[in-house]
Amino acid sequence: CILDLGGHTITCTGGTAVSTFGQTNVTIQGTGEVVSASGTALDVGGNVTLKGGTFTSGGSQSAGVNVNDGDPSQITLEWWERFCFGMMGLEKRMGWGGT
C-alpha cells in the first residue's frame, strides 16, 4: 500500500492519526504532514517505508512516530529522515524554550 501525502496534511484531533498493523506493508511518500493534536502521528505495527512526510505529535507523552512491534531496524528511512528523527524533541531534551 502506498500513501502519497501529495502536499496535504492528515490531522487527528484525538488519538493516533495513522496506524499500521500485523503483516501490512506501507510506504508513505511525498511532501505533507501527519499530525495528531493529542496522540501519536504514526503508530507502526507492520512494515513501513518512509520516503517523505513530517510526523508531529502535540501530546506531551506521545511521539511523532512510535514503533510498536517487530524490529525497528526494518524501518527504511531516507538519509535526511534519519537526521530528523535524531533531532525530534531536541528542544525539550536540552531545555530550550521557543516562541
Protein backbone atom coordinates (compact mmCIF):
# COMPACT_ATOMS: atom_id res chain seq x y z
CA CYS A 1 0.00 0.00 0.00
CA ILE A 2 1.30 3.49 -0.80
CA LEU A 3 0.15 6.61 0.98
CA ASP A 4 1.24 9.65 -1.05
CA LEU A 5 0.74 12.75 1.07
CA GLY A 6 0.83 14.93 -2.03
CA GLY A 7 1.39 18.15 -0.10
CA HIS A 8 -1.64 17.55 2.13
CA THR A 9 -1.97 17.33 5.91
CA ILE A 10 -3.71 14.49 7.75
CA THR A 11 -4.89 15.83 11.11
CA CYS A 12 -6.32 13.89 14.03
CA THR A 13 -7.73 15.85 16.98
CA GLY A 14 -7.83 12.89 19.40
CA GLY A 15 -5.70 9.75 19.44
CA THR A 16 -3.43 8.31 16.76
CA ALA A 17 -3.59 9.79 13.26
CA VAL A 18 -2.28 6.82 11.19
CA SER A 19 -1.70 3.21 12.34
CA THR A 20 -0.37 0.07 10.66
CA PHE A 21 -0.99 -3.45 11.97
CA GLY A 22 0.27 -7.01 11.57
CA GLN A 23 1.77 -8.00 8.26
CA THR A 24 0.97 -4.74 6.48
CA ASN A 25 3.50 -3.18 4.13
CA VAL A 26 3.05 0.57 3.76
CA THR A 27 5.14 3.21 2.01
CA ILE A 28 4.50 6.82 2.98
CA GLN A 29 5.84 9.28 0.45
CA GLY A 30 5.57 12.83 -0.78
CA THR A 31 5.60 16.14 0.96
CA GLY A 32 2.97 16.70 3.57
CA GLU A 33 2.33 16.23 7.25
CA VAL A 34 0.64 13.77 9.57
CA VAL A 35 -0.42 15.48 12.80
CA SER A 36 -2.05 14.26 15.99
CA ALA A 37 -3.14 17.00 18.37
CA SER A 38 -3.05 14.73 21.41
CA GLY A 39 -1.56 11.36 20.41
CA THR A 40 0.95 9.67 18.12
CA ALA A 41 1.09 10.80 14.50
CA LEU A 42 2.23 7.41 13.09
CA ASP A 43 1.90 4.18 15.06
CA VAL A 44 3.85 1.38 13.36
CA GLY A 45 2.77 -2.20 13.94
CA GLY A 46 3.71 -3.52 10.49
CA ASN A 47 6.37 -2.75 7.89
CA VAL A 48 6.69 0.92 6.95
CA THR A 49 8.98 2.65 4.47
CA LEU A 50 9.16 6.41 4.95
CA LYS A 51 10.09 8.34 1.83
CA GLY A 52 8.63 11.65 2.85
CA GLY A 53 6.33 13.43 5.22
CA THR A 54 6.59 15.15 8.56
CA PHE A 55 5.11 13.43 11.62
CA THR A 56 4.10 15.67 14.51
CA SER A 57 2.57 14.89 17.89
CA GLY A 58 1.01 17.50 20.12
CA GLY A 59 0.71 15.04 23.00
CA SER A 60 3.09 15.56 25.91
CA GLN A 61 3.61 11.79 26.27
CA SER A 62 3.39 10.84 22.58
CA ALA A 63 5.88 10.51 19.76
CA GLY A 64 5.67 11.67 16.19
CA VAL A 65 6.44 8.07 15.16
CA ASN A 66 6.04 5.12 17.52
CA VAL A 67 7.29 1.63 16.58
CA ASN A 68 5.25 -0.99 18.48
CA ASP A 69 6.08 -4.38 17.03
CA GLY A 70 8.82 -6.01 15.12
CA ASP A 71 12.36 -4.90 14.51
CA PRO A 72 12.81 -1.10 14.39
CA SER A 73 15.85 -1.62 12.17
CA GLN A 74 13.45 -2.78 9.45
CA ILE A 75 12.03 0.73 9.05
CA THR A 76 13.53 2.22 5.92
CA LEU A 77 14.38 5.91 6.16
CA GLU A 78 15.91 8.31 3.69
CA TRP A 79 19.17 9.87 4.95
CA TRP A 80 17.51 13.18 5.85
CA GLU A 81 14.79 11.37 7.82
CA ARG A 82 17.41 9.64 9.97
CA PHE A 83 18.72 13.11 10.85
CA CYS A 84 15.21 14.46 11.56
CA PHE A 85 14.30 11.53 13.82
CA GLY A 86 17.52 12.04 15.74
CA MET A 87 16.64 15.71 16.25
CA MET A 88 12.99 15.20 17.29
CA GLY A 89 12.33 16.66 20.71
CA LEU A 90 15.83 18.13 20.96
CA GLU A 91 14.49 21.43 22.30
CA LYS A 92 12.69 19.57 25.10
CA ARG A 93 15.70 17.40 25.96
CA MET A 94 18.01 20.40 26.04
CA GLY A 95 15.55 22.61 27.96
CA TRP A 96 15.38 25.18 25.19
CA GLY A 97 12.23 27.28 25.08
CA GLY A 98 10.86 28.63 21.88
CA THR A 99 8.39 31.28 20.91
